[in-house]
Amino acid sequence: MAEPTWPAERLVLAAQDGDVESIVAVVSGSHPHVRRFAHALCATPEDAEDAAQEALIILFRKIGMLRASGALASWMFRIVRNECLRRSRLMLRPHPPVKDAPTPSAEDEVLQRLEAGRVATAIAALPAGQRRVLIMRDVQGYSGRMVADALGLSTAAMKSRLHRARLAVHHSLQGTTDPAFGDDDD
């Protein structure tokens, strides 16, 4: 299988100009390279995943600050390297003992995982339109305007879908159903 290439310069230029679809394409196209950098530079696989995620967030937010469109790879390498260094410094810093902090029992941890699984199942059961809005807004943390623009919706339509998605997840977790909030896939 051929190694993926970095996003084309014309795509990077469009992203630098603020084109949302181009920004998303540049972030997606950079993801495998950023992960490879992170796994090569970070001390642990967990730190590598966190550093890669952080680097992609920085890319998404600050693509307009990239000086030369052809310098994307070196810019991302520096961001990942700095993030890995930051994480390794945090590991070396002495942490004061936490007093009176209850350690969760194995039962509590299992219950937390089960609850997370229930939430994931409830989100997966949403109609595609509601699921996309909910994930972009509540999981990925994008602004309402950015979500609306990325999905080609008005802000009002995005808010309506988000409300219906949240309500459907709430009903699913409570074990109730409300037929008024289903099947919104447009």
C-alpha atoms as a PDB file:
ATOM      1  CA  MET A   1       0.000   0.000   0.000  1.00  0.00           C
ATOM      2  CA  ALA A   2       1.452   3.370  -0.997  1.00  0.00           C
ATOM      3  CA  GLU A   3       2.167   5.899   1.714  1.00  0.00           C
ATOM      4  CA  PRO A   4      -0.346   8.770   1.722  1.00  0.00           C
ATOM      5  CA  THR A   5       0.937  12.129   0.537  1.00  0.00           C
ATOM      6  CA  TRP A   6       0.572  15.473   2.219  1.00  0.00           C
ATOM      7  CA  PRO A   7      -2.308  17.654   1.021  1.00  0.00           C
ATOM      8  CA  ALA A   8      -1.638  19.491  -2.251  1.00  0.00           C
ATOM      9  CA  GLU A   9      -0.337  23.052  -2.111  1.00  0.00           C
ATOM     10  CA  ARG A  10      -3.482  24.453  -3.768  1.00  0.00           C
ATOM     11  CA  LEU A  11      -5.588  22.835  -1.028  1.00  0.00           C
ATOM     12  CA  VAL A  12      -3.348  24.316   1.678  1.00  0.00           C
ATOM     13  CA  LEU A  13      -3.635  27.756   0.044  1.00  0.00           C
ATOM     14  CA  ALA A  14      -7.433  27.495  -0.014  1.00  0.00           C
ATOM     15  CA  ALA A  15      -7.382  26.430   3.650  1.00  0.00           C
ATOM     16  CA  GLN A  16      -5.167  29.391   4.528  1.00  0.00           C
ATOM     17  CA  ASP A  17      -7.763  31.626   2.879  1.00  0.00           C
ATOM     18  CA  GLY A  18     -10.408  30.217   5.234  1.00  0.00           C
ATOM     19  CA  ASP A  19     -12.236  27.752   2.971  1.00  0.00           C
ATOM     20  CA  VAL A  20     -13.833  25.380   5.514  1.00  0.00           C
ATOM     21  CA  GLU A  21     -13.935  22.346   3.206  1.00  0.00           C
ATOM     22  CA  SER A  22     -10.253  22.834   2.388  1.00  0.00           C
ATOM     23  CA  ILE A  23      -9.363  23.163   6.063  1.00  0.00           C
ATOM     24  CA  VAL A  24     -11.148  19.900   6.834  1.00  0.00           C
ATOM     25  CA  ALA A  25      -9.409  18.216   3.878  1.00  0.00           C
ATOM     26  CA  VAL A  26      -5.972  19.488   4.976  1.00  0.00           C
ATOM     27  CA  VAL A  27      -6.529  18.291   8.548  1.00  0.00           C
ATOM     28  CA  SER A  28      -7.766  14.886   7.339  1.00  0.00           C
ATOM     29  CA  GLY A  29      -4.924  14.545   4.846  1.00  0.00           C
ATOM     30  CA  SER A  30      -2.342  15.476   7.476  1.00  0.00           C
ATOM     31  CA  HIS A  31      -3.671  13.081  10.105  1.00  0.00           C
ATOM     32  CA  PRO A  32      -1.664   9.942   9.143  1.00  0.00           C
ATOM     33  CA  HIS A  33       1.587  11.922   8.953  1.00  0.00           C
ATOM     34  CA  VAL A  34       0.965  13.693  12.245  1.00  0.00           C
ATOM     35  CA  ARG A  35       0.232  10.368  13.979  1.00  0.00           C
ATOM     36  CA  ARG A  36       3.435   8.883  12.553  1.00  0.00           C
ATOM     37  CA  PHE A  37       5.456  11.881  13.805  1.00  0.00           C
ATOM     38  CA  ALA A  38       3.848  11.645  17.233  1.00  0.00           C
ATOM     39  CA  HIS A  39       4.456   7.914  17.607  1.00  0.00           C
ATOM     40  CA  ALA A  40       8.092   8.436  16.635  1.00  0.00           C
ATOM     41  CA  LEU A  41       8.643  11.348  19.030  1.00  0.00           C
ATOM     42  CA  CYS A  42       6.508  10.801  22.127  1.00  0.00           C
ATOM     43  CA  ALA A  43       7.396   8.632  25.090  1.00  0.00           C
ATOM     44  CA  THR A  44       4.164   6.632  25.234  1.00  0.00           C
ATOM     45  CA  PRO A  45       1.473   5.646  22.731  1.00  0.00           C
ATOM     46  CA  GLU A  46      -1.063   7.553  24.829  1.00  0.00           C
ATOM     47  CA  ASP A  47       1.043  10.719  24.697  1.00  0.00           C
ATOM     48  CA  ALA A  48       1.487  10.207  20.955  1.00  0.00           C
ATOM     49  CA  GLU A  49      -2.273  10.043  20.380  1.00  0.00           C
ATOM     50  CA  ASP A  50      -2.839  13.092  22.575  1.00  0.00           C
ATOM     51  CA  ALA A  51      -0.033  15.038  20.872  1.00  0.00           C
ATOM     52  CA  ALA A  52      -1.355  14.149  17.419  1.00  0.00           C
ATOM     53  CA  GLN A  53      -4.844  15.281  18.407  1.00  0.00           C
ATOM     54  CA  GLU A  54      -3.487  18.540  19.828  1.00  0.00           C
ATOM     55  CA  ALA A  55      -1.421  19.166  16.683  1.00  0.00           C
ATOM     56  CA  LEU A  56      -4.454  18.650  14.440  1.00  0.00           C
ATOM     57  CA  ILE A  57      -6.492  21.049  16.571  1.00  0.00           C
ATOM     58  CA  ILE A  58      -3.731  23.649  16.238  1.00  0.00           C
ATOM     59  CA  LEU A  59      -3.630  23.044  12.475  1.00  0.00           C
ATOM     60  CA  PHE A  60      -7.400  23.480  12.272  1.00  0.00           C
ATOM     61  CA  ARG A  61      -7.394  26.693  14.288  1.00  0.00           C
ATOM     62  CA  LYS A  62      -4.222  28.321  12.966  1.00  0.00           C
ATOM     63  CA  ILE A  63      -3.804  27.192   9.333  1.00  0.00           C
ATOM     64  CA  GLY A  64      -3.979  30.855   8.339  1.00  0.00           C
ATOM     65  CA  MET A  65      -0.748  31.524  10.268  1.00  0.00           C
ATOM     66  CA  LEU A  66       1.276  29.093   8.151  1.00  0.00           C
ATOM     67  CA  ARG A  67       3.788  31.278   6.310  1.00  0.00           C
ATOM     68  CA  ALA A  68       4.416  29.124   3.243  1.00  0.00           C
ATOM     69  CA  SER A  69       1.952  26.566   1.942  1.00  0.00           C
ATOM     70  CA  GLY A  70       4.827  24.223   1.088  1.00  0.00           C
ATOM     71  CA  ALA A  71       6.016  24.218   4.713  1.00  0.00           C
ATOM     72  CA  LEU A  72       3.053  22.280   6.100  1.00  0.00           C
ATOM     73  CA  ALA A  73       5.063  19.121   6.901  1.00  0.00           C
ATOM     74  CA  SER A  74       7.841  20.929   8.755  1.00  0.00           C
ATOM     75  CA  TRP A  75       5.326  23.123  10.607  1.00  0.00           C
ATOM     76  CA  MET A  76       3.362  20.069  11.753  1.00  0.00           C
ATOM     77  CA  PHE A  77       6.575  18.268  12.743  1.00  0.00           C
ATOM     78  CA  ARG A  78       7.537  21.210  14.982  1.00  0.00           C
ATOM     79  CA  ILE A  79       4.070  21.338  16.546  1.00  0.00           C
ATOM     80  CA  VAL A  80       4.122  17.593  17.290  1.00  0.00           C
ATOM     81  CA  ARG A  81       7.692  17.769  18.626  1.00  0.00           C
ATOM     82  CA  ASN A  82       6.806  20.655  20.930  1.00  0.00           C
ATOM     83  CA  GLU A  83       3.685  18.886  22.154  1.00  0.00           C
ATOM     84  CA  CYS A  84       5.650  15.687  22.879  1.00  0.00           C
ATOM     85  CA  LEU A  85       8.285  17.705  24.757  1.00  0.00           C
ATOM     86  CA  ARG A  86       5.600  19.475  26.746  1.00  0.00           C
ATOM     87  CA  ARG A  87       4.049  16.148  27.701  1.00  0.00           C
ATOM     88  CA  SER A  88       7.399  14.644  28.725  1.00  0.00           C
ATOM     89  CA  ARG A  89       8.120  17.678  30.930  1.00  0.00           C
ATOM     90  CA  LEU A  90       4.752  17.201  32.622  1.00  0.00           C
ATOM     91  CA  MET A  91       5.686  13.586  33.380  1.00  0.00           C
ATOM     92  CA  LEU A  92       8.944  14.710  35.012  1.00  0.00           C
ATOM     93  CA  ARG A  93       7.315  17.376  37.159  1.00  0.00           C
ATOM     94  CA  PRO A  94       6.705  16.137  40.707  1.00  0.00           C
ATOM     95  CA  HIS A  95       3.046  15.800  41.489  1.00  0.00           C
ATOM     96  CA  PRO A  96       1.946  16.488  45.057  1.00  0.00           C
ATOM     97  CA  PRO A  97      -0.004  13.661  46.645  1.00  0.00           C
ATOM     98  CA  VAL A  98      -3.742  14.095  46.503  1.00  0.00           C
ATOM     99  CA  LYS A  99      -5.282  13.929  49.921  1.00  0.00           C
ATOM    100  CA  ASP A 100      -8.601  12.289  50.604  1.00  0.00           C
ATOM    101  CA  ALA A 101      -9.204  11.519  46.948  1.00  0.00           C
ATOM    102  CA  PRO A 102     -11.220   8.343  46.776  1.00  0.00           C
ATOM    103  CA  THR A 103      -9.792   5.801  44.383  1.00  0.00           C
ATOM    104  CA  PRO A 104     -12.530   4.450  42.150  1.00  0.00           C
ATOM    105  CA  SER A 105     -13.228   0.800  42.711  1.00  0.00           C
ATOM    106  CA  ALA A 106     -13.125  -1.738  39.916  1.00  0.00           C
ATOM    107  CA  GLU A 107     -16.915  -1.770  40.060  1.00  0.00           C
ATOM    108  CA  ASP A 108     -17.069   2.026  39.634  1.00  0.00           C
ATOM    109  CA  GLU A 109     -14.734   1.849  36.630  1.00  0.00           C
ATOM    110  CA  VAL A 110     -16.868  -0.848  35.007  1.00  0.00           C
ATOM    111  CA  LEU A 111     -20.001   1.219  35.611  1.00  0.00           C
ATOM    112  CA  GLN A 112     -18.332   4.271  34.025  1.00  0.00           C
ATOM    113  CA  ARG A 113     -17.369   2.216  30.962  1.00  0.00           C
ATOM    114  CA  LEU A 114     -20.894   0.837  30.686  1.00  0.00           C
ATOM    115  CA  GLU A 115     -22.328   4.353  30.880  1.00  0.00           C
ATOM    116  CA  ALA A 116     -19.901   5.567  28.193  1.00  0.00           C
ATOM    117  CA  GLY A 117     -20.976   2.614  26.054  1.00  0.00           C
ATOM    118  CA  ARG A 118     -24.636   3.512  26.531  1.00  0.00           C
ATOM    119  CA  VAL A 119     -23.947   7.097  25.469  1.00  0.00           C
ATOM    120  CA  ALA A 120     -22.009   5.932  22.411  1.00  0.00           C
ATOM    121  CA  THR A 121     -24.837   3.560  21.472  1.00  0.00           C
ATOM    122  CA  ALA A 122     -27.417   6.331  21.875  1.00  0.00           C
ATOM    123  CA  ILE A 123     -25.379   8.658  19.655  1.00  0.00           C
ATOM    124  CA  ALA A 124     -24.851   5.944  17.044  1.00  0.00           C
ATOM    125  CA  ALA A 125     -28.623   5.362  16.906  1.00  0.00           C
ATOM    126  CA  LEU A 126     -29.306   8.986  15.935  1.00  0.00           C
ATOM    127  CA  PRO A 127     -30.221   9.840  12.346  1.00  0.00           C
ATOM    128  CA  ALA A 128     -27.100  10.842  10.397  1.00  0.00           C
ATOM    129  CA  GLY A 129     -27.929  14.559  10.265  1.00  0.00           C
ATOM    130  CA  GLN A 130     -28.463  14.815  14.007  1.00  0.00           C
ATOM    131  CA  ARG A 131     -25.441  12.604  14.767  1.00  0.00           C
ATOM    132  CA  ARG A 132     -23.081  14.779  12.673  1.00  0.00           C
ATOM    133  CA  VAL A 133     -24.255  17.978  14.372  1.00  0.00           C
ATOM    134  CA  LEU A 134     -24.049  16.469  17.862  1.00  0.00           C
ATOM    135  CA  ILE A 135     -20.565  15.042  17.351  1.00  0.00           C
ATOM    136  CA  MET A 136     -19.142  18.198  15.766  1.00  0.00           C
ATOM    137  CA  ARG A 137     -20.674  20.512  18.373  1.00  0.00           C
ATOM    138  CA  ASP A 138     -20.617  18.532  21.643  1.00  0.00           C
ATOM    139  CA  VAL A 139     -17.832  15.987  21.126  1.00  0.00           C
ATOM    140  CA  GLN A 140     -15.375  17.845  18.902  1.00  0.00           C
ATOM    141  CA  GLY A 141     -16.226  21.253  20.365  1.00  0.00           C
ATOM    142  CA  TYR A 142     -16.649  23.229  17.147  1.00  0.00           C
ATOM    143  CA  SER A 143     -18.573  26.487  17.324  1.00  0.00           C
ATOM    144  CA  GLY A 144     -22.184  26.521  16.193  1.00  0.00           C
ATOM    145  CA  ARG A 145     -21.351  28.757  13.239  1.00  0.00           C
ATOM    146  CA  MET A 146     -18.519  26.448  12.146  1.00  0.00           C
ATOM    147  CA  VAL A 147     -20.750  23.361  12.385  1.00  0.00           C
ATOM    148  CA  ALA A 148     -23.512  25.071  10.431  1.00  0.00           C
ATOM    149  CA  ASP A 149     -21.079  26.196   7.719  1.00  0.00           C
ATOM    150  CA  ALA A 150     -19.352  22.815   7.482  1.00  0.00           C
ATOM    151  CA  LEU A 151     -22.682  21.014   7.057  1.00  0.00           C
ATOM    152  CA  GLY A 152     -24.260  23.636   4.793  1.00  0.00           C
ATOM    153  CA  LEU A 153     -27.002  24.506   7.291  1.00  0.00           C
ATOM    154  CA  SER A 154     -28.386  27.721   8.645  1.00  0.00           C
ATOM    155  CA  THR A 155     -27.527  28.384  12.273  1.00  0.00           C
ATOM    156  CA  ALA A 156     -31.175  27.896  13.194  1.00  0.00           C
ATOM    157  CA  ALA A 157     -31.313  24.505  11.446  1.00  0.00           C
ATOM    158  CA  MET A 158     -28.086  23.429  13.140  1.00  0.00           C
ATOM    159  CA  LYS A 159     -29.451  24.447  16.558  1.00  0.00           C
ATOM    160  CA  SER A 160     -32.710  22.622  15.888  1.00  0.00           C
ATOM    161  CA  ARG A 161     -30.904  19.403  14.937  1.00  0.00           C
ATOM    162  CA  LEU A 162     -28.598  19.726  17.930  1.00  0.00           C
ATOM    163  CA  HIS A 163     -31.553  20.167  20.272  1.00  0.00           C
ATOM    164  CA  ARG A 164     -33.374  17.148  18.797  1.00  0.00           C
ATOM    165  CA  ALA A 165     -30.175  15.057  18.978  1.00  0.00           C
ATOM    166  CA  ARG A 166     -29.530  15.964  22.611  1.00  0.00           C
ATOM    167  CA  LEU A 167     -33.145  15.253  23.503  1.00  0.00           C
ATOM    168  CA  ALA A 168     -33.076  11.889  21.695  1.00  0.00           C
ATOM    169  CA  VAL A 169     -29.861  10.879  23.499  1.00  0.00           C
ATOM    170  CA  HIS A 170     -31.386  11.972  26.805  1.00  0.00           C
ATOM    171  CA  HIS A 171     -34.551   9.942  26.125  1.00  0.00           C
ATOM    172  CA  SER A 172     -32.474   6.944  25.071  1.00  0.00           C
ATOM    173  CA  LEU A 173     -30.427   7.078  28.270  1.00  0.00           C
ATOM    174  CA  GLN A 174     -33.603   7.439  30.347  1.00  0.00           C
ATOM    175  CA  GLY A 175     -35.134   4.448  28.568  1.00  0.00           C
ATOM    176  CA  THR A 176     -37.954   6.467  27.048  1.00  0.00           C
ATOM    177  CA  THR A 177     -38.729   7.265  23.458  1.00  0.00           C
ATOM    178  CA  ASP A 178     -40.258  10.305  21.897  1.00  0.00           C
ATOM    179  CA  PRO A 179     -41.325   9.733  18.288  1.00  0.00           C
ATOM    180  CA  ALA A 180     -41.363  13.489  17.619  1.00  0.00           C
ATOM    181  CA  PHE A 181     -37.558  13.553  17.645  1.00  0.00           C
ATOM    182  CA  GLY A 182     -36.590  10.773  15.272  1.00  0.00           C
ATOM    183  CA  ASP A 183     -35.727  10.336  11.614  1.00  0.00           C
ATOM    184  CA  ASP A 184     -34.240  13.746  10.783  1.00  0.00           C
ATOM    185  CA  ASP A 185     -31.630  12.754   8.241  1.00  0.00           C
ATOM    186  CA  ASP A 186     -31.728  15.705   5.867  1.00  0.00           C
END
